[in-house]
Amino acid sequence: MAEAVRRIWAEVLEVEVESIDIHHSDFFELGGYSLLALQSIGRLLAEYGVDEVAAVELEGALLNRLFEDATPMAQAKCLVAGGQGDAAPGGDAGS
């Protein structure tokens, strides 16, 4: 899932995928800003088929998490955990 976040960020930020490290790259340092953050979150939720009701709740959690820890891995963990911020037990955000 972190690779999907990485790919979406690359597309939204118009940078090479290889320039994004899933553990250390910061969305905002890569040139991101709030509107691009919402766009990337929307694309991520759509790609994973999150229904509209759950997407409303997850979107806020993902946006908050992005401002706390703007790495692809943090976003993936938040999505896996259903917006709680850390991966659920046994969750694999790295795939």
N, C-alpha and C. Protein backbone atom coordinates (compact mmCIF):
# COMPACT_ATOMS: atom_id res chain seq x y z
N MET A 1 0.81 -1.19 0.00
CA MET A 1 0.00 0.00 0.00
C MET A 1 0.87 1.27 0.00
N ALA A 2 1.99 1.24 0.68
CA ALA A 2 2.89 2.40 0.69
C ALA A 2 3.38 2.70 -0.73
N GLU A 3 3.56 1.66 -1.53
CA GLU A 3 3.98 1.87 -2.92
C GLU A 3 2.88 2.56 -3.72
N ALA A 4 1.62 2.26 -3.42
CA ALA A 4 0.51 2.94 -4.09
C ALA A 4 0.49 4.42 -3.71
N VAL A 5 0.70 4.71 -2.43
CA VAL A 5 0.77 6.10 -1.97
C VAL A 5 1.92 6.81 -2.70
N ARG A 6 3.04 6.16 -2.77
CA ARG A 6 4.23 6.70 -3.44
C ARG A 6 3.92 7.02 -4.90
N ARG A 7 3.28 6.10 -5.59
CA ARG A 7 2.95 6.29 -7.01
C ARG A 7 1.97 7.46 -7.18
N ILE A 8 0.94 7.52 -6.33
CA ILE A 8 -0.05 8.59 -6.43
C ILE A 8 0.60 9.94 -6.14
N TRP A 9 1.45 9.99 -5.11
CA TRP A 9 2.16 11.24 -4.82
C TRP A 9 2.97 11.68 -6.03
N ALA A 10 3.68 10.76 -6.65
CA ALA A 10 4.51 11.09 -7.81
C ALA A 10 3.65 11.70 -8.92
N GLU A 11 2.48 11.12 -9.15
CA GLU A 11 1.59 11.63 -10.19
C GLU A 11 1.06 13.01 -9.83
N VAL A 12 0.59 13.17 -8.60
CA VAL A 12 0.01 14.44 -8.16
C VAL A 12 1.06 15.55 -8.09
N LEU A 13 2.24 15.20 -7.59
CA LEU A 13 3.30 16.19 -7.42
C LEU A 13 4.15 16.38 -8.68
N GLU A 14 3.90 15.53 -9.69
CA GLU A 14 4.64 15.57 -10.95
C GLU A 14 6.15 15.46 -10.71
N VAL A 15 6.51 14.41 -9.95
CA VAL A 15 7.91 14.09 -9.70
C VAL A 15 8.12 12.62 -10.05
N GLU A 16 9.37 12.23 -10.18
CA GLU A 16 9.69 10.83 -10.45
C GLU A 16 9.41 9.97 -9.22
N VAL A 17 8.79 8.83 -9.42
CA VAL A 17 8.49 7.90 -8.32
C VAL A 17 9.75 7.56 -7.54
N GLU A 18 10.85 7.40 -8.25
CA GLU A 18 12.11 7.01 -7.61
C GLU A 18 12.62 8.07 -6.64
N SER A 19 12.14 9.30 -6.77
CA SER A 19 12.59 10.38 -5.89
C SER A 19 11.87 10.38 -4.55
N ILE A 20 10.88 9.48 -4.39
CA ILE A 20 10.09 9.43 -3.16
C ILE A 20 10.48 8.21 -2.36
N ASP A 21 11.00 8.44 -1.18
CA ASP A 21 11.35 7.37 -0.24
C ASP A 21 10.15 7.15 0.68
N ILE A 22 9.65 5.91 0.76
CA ILE A 22 8.42 5.66 1.52
C ILE A 22 8.55 5.95 3.01
N HIS A 23 9.75 5.93 3.54
CA HIS A 23 9.94 6.17 4.97
C HIS A 23 10.37 7.60 5.30
N HIS A 24 10.96 8.30 4.36
CA HIS A 24 11.57 9.58 4.70
C HIS A 24 11.10 10.78 3.89
N SER A 25 10.54 10.59 2.71
CA SER A 25 10.12 11.72 1.90
C SER A 25 8.91 12.40 2.53
N ASP A 26 8.93 13.72 2.53
CA ASP A 26 7.86 14.53 3.11
C ASP A 26 7.05 15.14 1.97
N PHE A 27 5.74 14.93 2.01
CA PHE A 27 4.84 15.41 0.97
C PHE A 27 5.04 16.90 0.70
N PHE A 28 5.13 17.68 1.75
CA PHE A 28 5.22 19.13 1.61
C PHE A 28 6.60 19.57 1.14
N GLU A 29 7.63 18.87 1.55
CA GLU A 29 8.99 19.19 1.08
C GLU A 29 9.16 18.83 -0.39
N LEU A 30 8.34 17.92 -0.88
CA LEU A 30 8.37 17.55 -2.29
C LEU A 30 7.59 18.53 -3.17
N GLY A 31 7.01 19.55 -2.55
CA GLY A 31 6.26 20.56 -3.30
C GLY A 31 4.76 20.49 -3.11
N GLY A 32 4.30 19.60 -2.24
CA GLY A 32 2.88 19.47 -2.00
C GLY A 32 2.31 20.62 -1.18
N TYR A 33 1.02 20.82 -1.31
CA TYR A 33 0.29 21.80 -0.52
C TYR A 33 -1.11 21.25 -0.29
N SER A 34 -1.94 21.96 0.47
CA SER A 34 -3.20 21.39 0.95
C SER A 34 -4.12 20.88 -0.15
N LEU A 35 -4.26 21.60 -1.25
CA LEU A 35 -5.16 21.13 -2.31
C LEU A 35 -4.63 19.86 -2.97
N LEU A 36 -3.31 19.78 -3.14
CA LEU A 36 -2.73 18.56 -3.69
C LEU A 36 -2.86 17.41 -2.70
N ALA A 37 -2.80 17.72 -1.41
CA ALA A 37 -2.99 16.69 -0.39
C ALA A 37 -4.39 16.09 -0.50
N LEU A 38 -5.39 16.94 -0.64
CA LEU A 38 -6.77 16.45 -0.79
C LEU A 38 -6.91 15.63 -2.07
N GLN A 39 -6.29 16.08 -3.14
CA GLN A 39 -6.34 15.34 -4.40
C GLN A 39 -5.71 13.96 -4.25
N SER A 40 -4.55 13.90 -3.61
CA SER A 40 -3.88 12.60 -3.47
C SER A 40 -4.68 11.67 -2.57
N ILE A 41 -5.27 12.20 -1.51
CA ILE A 41 -6.08 11.38 -0.61
C ILE A 41 -7.32 10.87 -1.34
N GLY A 42 -7.96 11.73 -2.12
CA GLY A 42 -9.13 11.31 -2.89
C GLY A 42 -8.79 10.19 -3.87
N ARG A 43 -7.66 10.30 -4.53
CA ARG A 43 -7.24 9.26 -5.47
C ARG A 43 -6.92 7.96 -4.76
N LEU A 44 -6.29 8.06 -3.59
CA LEU A 44 -5.97 6.87 -2.82
C LEU A 44 -7.24 6.15 -2.37
N LEU A 45 -8.20 6.90 -1.86
CA LEU A 45 -9.46 6.29 -1.41
C LEU A 45 -10.21 5.67 -2.58
N ALA A 46 -10.22 6.34 -3.72
CA ALA A 46 -10.90 5.80 -4.91
C ALA A 46 -10.22 4.53 -5.39
N GLU A 47 -8.90 4.52 -5.38
CA GLU A 47 -8.16 3.35 -5.85
C GLU A 47 -8.45 2.12 -4.99
N TYR A 48 -8.63 2.33 -3.71
CA TYR A 48 -8.89 1.20 -2.82
C TYR A 48 -10.37 0.93 -2.62
N GLY A 49 -11.23 1.60 -3.38
CA GLY A 49 -12.65 1.32 -3.38
C GLY A 49 -13.34 1.59 -2.06
N VAL A 50 -12.90 2.62 -1.35
CA VAL A 50 -13.52 2.97 -0.08
C VAL A 50 -14.86 3.62 -0.38
N ASP A 51 -15.94 3.14 0.27
CA ASP A 51 -17.26 3.69 0.00
C ASP A 51 -17.35 5.13 0.50
N GLU A 52 -18.35 5.88 0.01
CA GLU A 52 -18.44 7.31 0.27
C GLU A 52 -18.55 7.65 1.76
N VAL A 53 -19.32 6.87 2.51
CA VAL A 53 -19.49 7.15 3.94
C VAL A 53 -18.17 6.99 4.67
N ALA A 54 -17.49 5.89 4.43
CA ALA A 54 -16.19 5.66 5.08
C ALA A 54 -15.16 6.66 4.58
N ALA A 55 -15.25 7.05 3.32
CA ALA A 55 -14.28 7.98 2.74
C ALA A 55 -14.32 9.33 3.44
N VAL A 56 -15.51 9.78 3.83
CA VAL A 56 -15.63 11.06 4.53
C VAL A 56 -14.85 11.02 5.84
N GLU A 57 -15.00 9.94 6.59
CA GLU A 57 -14.27 9.81 7.86
C GLU A 57 -12.78 9.62 7.61
N LEU A 58 -12.43 8.78 6.67
CA LEU A 58 -11.01 8.50 6.40
C LEU A 58 -10.28 9.71 5.83
N GLU A 59 -10.97 10.49 5.02
CA GLU A 59 -10.32 11.64 4.40
C GLU A 59 -9.78 12.60 5.46
N GLY A 60 -10.59 12.88 6.48
CA GLY A 60 -10.15 13.76 7.56
C GLY A 60 -8.98 13.17 8.32
N ALA A 61 -9.06 11.88 8.62
CA ALA A 61 -7.98 11.21 9.36
C ALA A 61 -6.69 11.20 8.55
N LEU A 62 -6.81 10.91 7.25
CA LEU A 62 -5.63 10.88 6.39
C LEU A 62 -5.01 12.27 6.25
N LEU A 63 -5.85 13.29 6.15
CA LEU A 63 -5.33 14.65 6.04
C LEU A 63 -4.63 15.06 7.33
N ASN A 64 -5.25 14.77 8.47
CA ASN A 64 -4.60 15.07 9.76
C ASN A 64 -3.27 14.35 9.88
N ARG A 65 -3.26 13.08 9.50
CA ARG A 65 -2.03 12.29 9.60
C ARG A 65 -0.95 12.85 8.68
N LEU A 66 -1.36 13.34 7.51
CA LEU A 66 -0.40 13.90 6.57
C LEU A 66 0.31 15.12 7.18
N PHE A 67 -0.43 15.93 7.95
CA PHE A 67 0.18 17.09 8.58
C PHE A 67 1.07 16.70 9.76
N GLU A 68 0.81 15.52 10.36
CA GLU A 68 1.64 15.04 11.47
C GLU A 68 2.90 14.33 10.98
N ASP A 69 2.74 13.49 9.99
CA ASP A 69 3.86 12.69 9.47
C ASP A 69 3.61 12.52 7.97
N ALA A 70 4.27 13.33 7.18
CA ALA A 70 3.97 13.42 5.75
C ALA A 70 4.77 12.44 4.91
N THR A 71 4.83 11.17 5.36
CA THR A 71 5.54 10.15 4.58
C THR A 71 4.54 9.18 3.96
N PRO A 72 4.88 8.56 2.84
CA PRO A 72 3.99 7.56 2.25
C PRO A 72 3.65 6.43 3.22
N MET A 73 4.63 5.98 4.02
CA MET A 73 4.38 4.89 4.96
C MET A 73 3.33 5.29 6.00
N ALA A 74 3.39 6.51 6.50
CA ALA A 74 2.40 6.97 7.49
C ALA A 74 1.00 6.99 6.88
N GLN A 75 0.88 7.42 5.62
CA GLN A 75 -0.42 7.43 4.97
C GLN A 75 -0.95 6.01 4.78
N ALA A 76 -0.08 5.11 4.37
CA ALA A 76 -0.48 3.71 4.18
C ALA A 76 -0.94 3.09 5.49
N LYS A 77 -0.19 3.33 6.56
CA LYS A 77 -0.56 2.79 7.87
C LYS A 77 -1.91 3.33 8.32
N CYS A 78 -2.15 4.60 8.10
CA CYS A 78 -3.42 5.21 8.48
C CYS A 78 -4.58 4.59 7.69
N LEU A 79 -4.38 4.37 6.41
CA LEU A 79 -5.43 3.76 5.59
C LEU A 79 -5.70 2.33 6.03
N VAL A 80 -4.64 1.56 6.30
CA VAL A 80 -4.79 0.18 6.76
C VAL A 80 -5.55 0.13 8.08
N ALA A 81 -5.28 1.11 8.95
CA ALA A 81 -5.91 1.13 10.27
C ALA A 81 -7.29 1.79 10.25
N GLY A 82 -7.77 2.12 9.09
CA GLY A 82 -9.09 2.72 9.00
C GLY A 82 -9.15 4.13 9.55
N GLY A 83 -8.04 4.84 9.46
CA GLY A 83 -8.01 6.22 9.90
C GLY A 83 -7.49 6.43 11.30
N GLN A 84 -7.08 5.36 11.96
CA GLN A 84 -6.62 5.49 13.34
C GLN A 84 -5.17 5.91 13.46
N GLY A 85 -4.41 5.88 12.36
CA GLY A 85 -3.05 6.40 12.37
C GLY A 85 -1.97 5.34 12.38
N ASP A 86 -2.15 4.23 13.05
CA ASP A 86 -1.16 3.17 13.08
C ASP A 86 -1.75 1.93 12.45
N ALA A 87 -0.92 1.11 11.88
CA ALA A 87 -1.39 -0.11 11.24
C ALA A 87 -2.06 -1.02 12.24
N ALA A 88 -3.12 -1.64 11.80
CA ALA A 88 -3.82 -2.61 12.64
C ALA A 88 -2.91 -3.81 12.86
N PRO A 89 -3.11 -4.55 13.96
CA PRO A 89 -2.27 -5.73 14.20
C PRO A 89 -2.28 -6.64 12.99
N GLY A 90 -1.11 -6.98 12.54
CA GLY A 90 -0.99 -7.88 11.39
C GLY A 90 -1.15 -7.18 10.06
N GLY A 91 -1.46 -5.85 10.08
CA GLY A 91 -1.62 -5.12 8.84
C GLY A 91 -0.30 -4.94 8.14
N ASP A 92 -0.33 -4.93 6.82
CA ASP A 92 0.90 -4.80 6.06
C ASP A 92 0.81 -3.57 5.18
N ALA A 93 1.22 -2.44 5.70
CA ALA A 93 1.16 -1.20 4.95
C ALA A 93 2.25 -1.13 3.90
N GLY A 94 3.26 -1.96 4.02
CA GLY A 94 4.39 -1.90 3.11
C GLY A 94 4.13 -2.48 1.75
N SER A 95 3.06 -3.19 1.56
CA SER A 95 2.83 -3.82 0.25
C SER A 95 2.04 -2.93 -0.66
